[in-house]
Amino acid sequence: MGLDVHKPNPYPVPKLGGLAIVAGLAAGAVVYWAFTSSDILVPFIGSLAVAALIGLWEDFREINPVLKPVLLVVAGVPVVVAGVYSPNPVIPFVGSTRLTILYPLLVLLGFSIVCNAVNSLDVLNGSMAATSLTAILPLTIIAYLEGKTEIFSLCIVTAVVLLVFLSKNIYPAKTFAGNVGSLSVGVVIAYVAIVGRMEVAAIVALLPHIMNEFHIIYSLGGLRSGKKAPTRPTIINSGIITANVERKAPVTVVRLLTAGEKLTEPAVVWRLFLLCLYSAILSLLTYFLFIRRWLP
């Protein structure tokens, strides 16, 4: 159980609802594999299992904040070992590149960054599921337009799982995703981006998540647990969230959104959703204007 601290009277909520996310993702992938015998879904299950185990571990016992990103690198190992990627990412203004030696290392690093970034926005009721839906949306559209059936199917499964979970996680939440849920969703986004050759589109779609994570790291002075921060980024008073004006408070997207006015939790999540939706639109524009013509 975990306390829902953003309520006027904090109360305990089951925090392992993310196990349902893992089960839904795995079930969808296995069913698709049973009908197609696709060679990309076995490493997907491997990556999902690694992230889920790391998340479950952290839900019961906090992992050292320096060790966690290193452990999440392991989630990318099944992709590298199976070789289900192309070392020729398409970069705007440059075109198709060739990074045969460097790309496998970028794959491992990418899994760690994306998983942590998605995890960093799991702070309010519905925030992780809603913002992850906006990130998976442009990747789904691109996969469909490019005829990447396997990637498109994974995106659809992920979107459906997130929508169902959101119905139980939206304000007032009946369950939390926990680290097991948010890290698993991060693995899916990283996986479809890398295997589907949509790396740049995914980075643009995830800009709010990535900026939030790096703002936290910078404001805390390195990889440190937010629980050990000298003060919280926001202040909650009778269910109203406002930015903490203390200089030592960690910088987060939620703190920035509440810097100008006091907001309720649903209002903050709605603004987070709109911000991420804007990034999703920019992601699609990036694909149409700078990436599509370079893809085979």
Protein backbone atom coordinates (compact mmCIF):
# COMPACT_ATOMS: atom_id res chain seq x y z
CA MET A 1 0.00 0.00 0.00
CA GLY A 2 1.08 3.57 -0.63
CA LEU A 3 -0.24 6.88 0.69
CA ASP A 4 -2.05 9.15 -1.75
CA VAL A 5 -0.34 12.26 -0.41
CA HIS A 6 -2.01 14.79 -2.73
CA LYS A 7 -5.43 14.38 -1.09
CA PRO A 8 -6.74 16.61 1.74
CA ASN A 9 -6.65 13.54 3.98
CA PRO A 10 -3.98 11.12 2.66
CA TYR A 11 -5.15 7.52 2.60
CA PRO A 12 -3.56 4.19 1.60
CA VAL A 13 -4.01 2.89 -1.96
CA PRO A 14 -2.80 -0.43 -3.46
CA LYS A 15 0.41 0.44 -5.30
CA LEU A 16 1.06 -2.72 -7.33
CA GLY A 17 -1.62 -2.13 -9.96
CA GLY A 18 1.22 -2.08 -12.45
CA LEU A 19 1.28 -5.87 -12.31
CA ALA A 20 -1.94 -5.73 -14.34
CA ILE A 21 -0.13 -3.58 -16.92
CA VAL A 22 2.65 -6.17 -17.16
CA ALA A 23 0.15 -9.01 -17.47
CA GLY A 24 -1.80 -7.19 -20.19
CA LEU A 25 1.29 -6.33 -22.21
CA ALA A 26 2.70 -9.84 -21.94
CA ALA A 27 -0.63 -11.48 -22.80
CA GLY A 28 -1.11 -9.29 -25.87
CA ALA A 29 2.43 -9.99 -27.09
CA VAL A 30 2.13 -13.75 -26.53
CA VAL A 31 -1.21 -13.98 -28.34
CA TYR A 32 0.21 -12.06 -31.31
CA TRP A 33 3.33 -14.26 -31.32
CA ALA A 34 1.17 -17.43 -31.26
CA PHE A 35 -0.44 -16.38 -34.55
CA THR A 36 2.63 -14.93 -36.28
CA SER A 37 5.77 -16.46 -34.66
CA SER A 38 7.36 -13.02 -34.95
CA ASP A 39 11.05 -12.91 -34.04
CA ILE A 40 10.78 -9.50 -32.37
CA LEU A 41 8.33 -10.45 -29.64
CA VAL A 42 10.54 -12.88 -27.71
CA PRO A 43 13.15 -10.16 -26.92
CA PHE A 44 10.22 -7.87 -26.09
CA ILE A 45 9.06 -10.28 -23.39
CA GLY A 46 12.65 -10.47 -22.13
CA SER A 47 12.97 -6.69 -21.85
CA LEU A 48 9.54 -6.42 -20.22
CA ALA A 49 10.43 -9.08 -17.65
CA VAL A 50 13.68 -7.34 -16.70
CA ALA A 51 11.97 -3.95 -16.20
CA ALA A 52 9.08 -5.50 -14.28
CA LEU A 53 11.42 -7.32 -11.89
CA ILE A 54 13.46 -4.15 -11.26
CA GLY A 55 10.26 -2.17 -10.66
CA LEU A 56 8.83 -4.82 -8.35
CA TRP A 57 12.07 -4.86 -6.38
CA GLU A 58 11.93 -1.08 -5.94
CA ASP A 59 8.27 -1.18 -4.90
CA PHE A 60 9.26 -3.30 -1.89
CA ARG A 61 12.71 -1.88 -1.22
CA GLU A 62 14.17 1.37 -2.55
CA ILE A 63 17.03 0.88 -4.98
CA ASN A 64 20.12 3.06 -4.83
CA PRO A 65 19.41 5.94 -7.29
CA VAL A 66 22.82 5.43 -8.92
CA LEU A 67 22.32 1.68 -9.27
CA LYS A 68 18.82 1.90 -10.74
CA PRO A 69 19.79 3.41 -14.15
CA VAL A 70 22.57 0.83 -14.42
CA LEU A 71 20.14 -2.02 -13.77
CA LEU A 72 17.70 -0.65 -16.35
CA VAL A 73 20.43 -0.87 -18.98
CA VAL A 74 19.93 -4.65 -18.71
CA ALA A 75 16.40 -4.21 -20.10
CA GLY A 76 17.98 -3.39 -23.45
CA VAL A 77 20.19 -6.49 -23.51
CA PRO A 78 17.55 -8.81 -25.10
CA VAL A 79 17.20 -6.36 -27.99
CA VAL A 80 20.96 -6.17 -28.55
CA VAL A 81 21.47 -9.93 -28.23
CA ALA A 82 18.59 -10.74 -30.58
CA GLY A 83 19.77 -8.09 -33.05
CA VAL A 84 16.22 -6.87 -33.71
CA TYR A 85 17.31 -3.32 -34.51
CA SER A 86 18.82 -1.36 -37.35
CA PRO A 87 22.08 0.52 -36.66
CA ASN A 88 20.97 3.14 -39.18
CA PRO A 89 18.80 5.64 -37.28
CA VAL A 90 17.25 8.43 -39.30
CA ILE A 91 18.26 11.88 -38.03
CA PRO A 92 16.56 15.11 -39.23
CA PHE A 93 18.66 17.15 -41.70
CA VAL A 94 21.18 14.29 -41.87
CA GLY A 95 19.19 11.32 -43.12
CA SER A 96 19.99 7.66 -42.57
CA THR A 97 23.18 7.20 -40.57
CA ARG A 98 25.43 4.20 -39.94
CA LEU A 99 26.34 3.60 -36.29
CA THR A 100 27.26 -0.08 -36.33
CA ILE A 101 29.55 0.02 -33.27
CA LEU A 102 27.97 2.86 -31.28
CA TYR A 103 24.28 2.04 -31.77
CA PRO A 104 24.10 -1.05 -29.47
CA LEU A 105 25.46 1.12 -26.64
CA LEU A 106 22.86 3.78 -27.45
CA VAL A 107 20.16 1.10 -27.29
CA LEU A 108 21.18 0.14 -23.75
CA LEU A 109 21.39 3.79 -22.69
CA GLY A 110 18.06 4.56 -24.36
CA PHE A 111 16.18 1.93 -22.36
CA SER A 112 17.53 3.34 -19.10
CA ILE A 113 16.70 6.96 -19.98
CA VAL A 114 13.18 6.27 -21.27
CA CYS A 115 12.23 4.00 -18.35
CA ASN A 116 13.41 6.56 -15.80
CA ALA A 117 11.75 9.41 -17.68
CA VAL A 118 8.35 7.70 -17.75
CA ASN A 119 8.77 6.74 -14.10
CA SER A 120 9.51 10.36 -13.17
CA LEU A 121 6.03 11.53 -14.26
CA ASP A 122 4.19 8.91 -12.21
CA VAL A 123 3.47 11.44 -9.47
CA LEU A 124 -0.27 12.15 -9.64
CA ASN A 125 -3.43 10.15 -10.19
CA GLY A 126 -3.50 9.20 -13.88
CA SER A 127 -0.38 11.19 -14.81
CA MET A 128 1.79 8.27 -15.98
CA ALA A 129 -0.94 6.50 -17.95
CA ALA A 130 -2.26 9.70 -19.58
CA THR A 131 1.14 11.05 -20.60
CA SER A 132 2.32 7.64 -21.81
CA LEU A 133 -0.76 7.40 -24.03
CA THR A 134 0.24 10.65 -25.73
CA ALA A 135 3.77 9.26 -26.26
CA ILE A 136 2.56 5.99 -27.78
CA LEU A 137 0.01 7.74 -30.05
CA PRO A 138 2.43 9.18 -32.67
CA LEU A 139 4.45 5.94 -32.67
CA THR A 140 1.26 4.00 -33.41
CA ILE A 141 0.41 6.27 -36.34
CA ILE A 142 3.95 6.12 -37.74
CA ALA A 143 4.07 2.32 -37.43
CA TYR A 144 0.77 2.07 -39.33
CA LEU A 145 1.88 4.43 -42.10
CA GLU A 146 5.19 2.56 -42.47
CA GLY A 147 3.45 -0.83 -42.60
CA LYS A 148 5.27 -2.10 -39.50
CA THR A 149 2.56 -4.58 -38.48
CA GLU A 150 4.35 -6.05 -35.47
CA ILE A 151 5.24 -2.66 -33.98
CA PHE A 152 1.75 -1.34 -34.72
CA SER A 153 0.22 -4.32 -32.90
CA LEU A 154 2.43 -3.74 -29.84
CA CYS A 155 1.42 -0.07 -29.80
CA ILE A 156 -2.28 -0.95 -29.96
CA VAL A 157 -1.92 -3.49 -27.14
CA THR A 158 -0.10 -0.88 -25.04
CA ALA A 159 -2.71 1.80 -25.70
CA VAL A 160 -5.58 -0.53 -24.74
CA VAL A 161 -3.79 -1.66 -21.56
CA LEU A 162 -3.10 1.96 -20.56
CA LEU A 163 -6.71 2.99 -21.20
CA VAL A 164 -8.05 0.17 -19.05
CA PHE A 165 -5.54 0.91 -16.29
CA LEU A 166 -6.34 4.63 -16.48
CA SER A 167 -9.97 3.89 -15.63
CA LYS A 168 -8.77 2.66 -12.21
CA ASN A 169 -5.90 5.11 -11.80
CA ILE A 170 -7.59 8.38 -12.72
CA TYR A 171 -8.60 10.75 -9.91
CA PRO A 172 -9.44 9.51 -7.30
CA ALA A 173 -7.13 6.56 -7.95
CA LYS A 174 -8.21 3.10 -6.81
CA THR A 175 -4.72 1.76 -7.51
CA PHE A 176 -1.25 3.01 -8.39
CA ALA A 177 0.99 1.71 -11.16
CA GLY A 178 4.02 1.51 -8.91
CA ASN A 179 7.53 1.25 -10.31
CA VAL A 180 6.64 -2.14 -11.79
CA GLY A 181 4.02 -0.46 -14.00
CA SER A 182 5.81 2.74 -15.01
CA LEU A 183 9.12 1.01 -15.82
CA SER A 184 7.28 -1.60 -17.91
CA VAL A 185 5.52 1.12 -19.92
CA GLY A 186 8.88 2.82 -20.43
CA VAL A 187 10.29 -0.43 -21.83
CA VAL A 188 7.48 -0.66 -24.38
CA ILE A 189 8.03 2.89 -25.62
CA ALA A 190 11.79 2.36 -25.88
CA TYR A 191 11.31 -1.00 -27.60
CA VAL A 192 8.89 0.15 -30.32
CA ALA A 193 11.00 3.26 -30.95
CA ILE A 194 14.23 1.31 -31.43
CA VAL A 195 12.90 -1.76 -33.25
CA GLY A 196 10.55 0.36 -35.36
CA ARG A 197 13.28 2.89 -36.30
CA MET A 198 11.31 5.75 -34.73
CA GLU A 199 13.98 6.95 -32.33
CA VAL A 200 13.82 10.68 -33.06
CA ALA A 201 10.02 10.71 -33.15
CA ALA A 202 9.96 9.01 -29.75
CA ILE A 203 12.46 11.50 -28.29
CA VAL A 204 10.28 14.42 -29.42
CA ALA A 205 7.13 12.78 -28.06
CA LEU A 206 8.88 12.19 -24.71
CA LEU A 207 10.40 15.67 -24.35
CA PRO A 208 8.31 16.60 -21.25
CA HIS A 209 9.25 13.29 -19.61
CA ILE A 210 12.95 13.62 -20.45
CA MET A 211 13.10 17.29 -19.44
CA ASN A 212 11.38 16.47 -16.14
CA GLU A 213 13.92 13.73 -15.36
CA PHE A 214 16.95 15.86 -16.20
CA HIS A 215 15.57 18.88 -14.29
CA ILE A 216 15.24 16.64 -11.23
CA ILE A 217 18.78 15.30 -11.60
CA TYR A 218 20.21 18.81 -12.08
CA SER A 219 18.29 20.39 -9.20
CA LEU A 220 19.22 17.55 -6.83
CA GLY A 221 22.85 17.79 -7.86
CA GLY A 222 23.08 14.31 -9.32
CA LEU A 223 21.39 10.92 -9.16
CA ARG A 224 19.70 11.09 -5.78
CA SER A 225 16.46 9.85 -4.32
CA GLY A 226 13.68 12.45 -4.37
CA LYS A 227 12.65 11.18 -0.92
CA LYS A 228 15.91 12.57 0.45
CA ALA A 229 15.43 16.02 -1.07
CA PRO A 230 15.57 18.82 1.52
CA THR A 231 12.05 19.87 0.61
CA ARG A 232 9.20 18.84 -1.71
CA PRO A 233 8.75 20.50 -5.15
CA THR A 234 5.12 21.35 -4.40
CA ILE A 235 2.95 22.18 -1.42
CA ILE A 236 -0.46 20.57 -0.89
CA ASN A 237 -3.06 22.46 1.11
CA SER A 238 -6.62 21.08 1.30
CA GLY A 239 -6.14 19.23 -1.98
CA ILE A 240 -4.76 22.31 -3.78
CA ILE A 241 -1.29 22.02 -5.29
CA THR A 242 1.04 24.99 -5.55
CA ALA A 243 4.74 25.32 -6.37
CA ASN A 244 7.21 25.41 -3.52
CA VAL A 245 9.09 28.72 -3.78
CA GLU A 246 12.10 27.53 -1.77
CA ARG A 247 15.28 27.53 -3.85
CA LYS A 248 16.27 24.08 -2.56
CA ALA A 249 13.07 22.47 -3.82
CA PRO A 250 13.60 20.06 -6.77
CA VAL A 251 12.60 21.43 -10.18
CA THR A 252 9.87 19.31 -11.78
CA VAL A 253 7.32 19.82 -14.53
CA VAL A 254 4.54 19.75 -11.93
CA ARG A 255 6.29 22.49 -9.96
CA LEU A 256 6.61 24.59 -13.12
CA LEU A 257 2.94 24.07 -14.03
CA THR A 258 1.82 25.21 -10.58
CA ALA A 259 4.20 28.16 -10.37
CA GLY A 260 1.66 30.64 -11.72
CA GLU A 261 -1.50 29.52 -9.93
CA LYS A 262 -2.90 27.02 -7.45
CA LEU A 263 -4.39 23.95 -9.12
CA THR A 264 -6.29 20.86 -8.13
CA GLU A 265 -4.74 17.47 -8.86
CA PRO A 266 -7.03 16.74 -11.87
CA ALA A 267 -6.22 20.19 -13.30
CA VAL A 268 -2.47 19.54 -13.06
CA VAL A 269 -2.85 16.15 -14.76
CA TRP A 270 -4.95 17.71 -17.52
CA ARG A 271 -2.22 20.30 -18.18
CA LEU A 272 0.41 17.58 -18.17
CA PHE A 273 -1.66 15.68 -20.71
CA LEU A 274 -2.01 18.75 -22.97
CA LEU A 275 1.73 19.46 -22.73
CA CYS A 276 2.55 15.88 -23.73
CA LEU A 277 -0.09 15.93 -26.46
CA TYR A 278 1.63 19.01 -27.90
CA SER A 279 4.89 17.04 -27.96
CA ALA A 280 3.08 14.16 -29.67
CA ILE A 281 1.93 16.53 -32.42
CA LEU A 282 5.49 17.83 -32.80
CA SER A 283 6.64 14.21 -33.04
CA LEU A 284 4.30 13.58 -35.98
CA LEU A 285 5.41 16.81 -37.67
CA THR A 286 9.04 15.70 -37.24
CA TYR A 287 8.20 12.41 -38.94
CA PHE A 288 6.34 13.96 -41.88
CA LEU A 289 8.79 16.81 -42.48
CA PHE A 290 12.19 15.31 -41.69
CA ILE A 291 12.09 11.52 -41.34
CA ARG A 292 9.58 9.89 -43.69
CA ARG A 293 11.48 10.47 -46.91
CA TRP A 294 14.59 8.79 -45.53
CA LEU A 295 12.91 5.56 -44.43
CA PRO A 296 13.09 2.61 -46.86
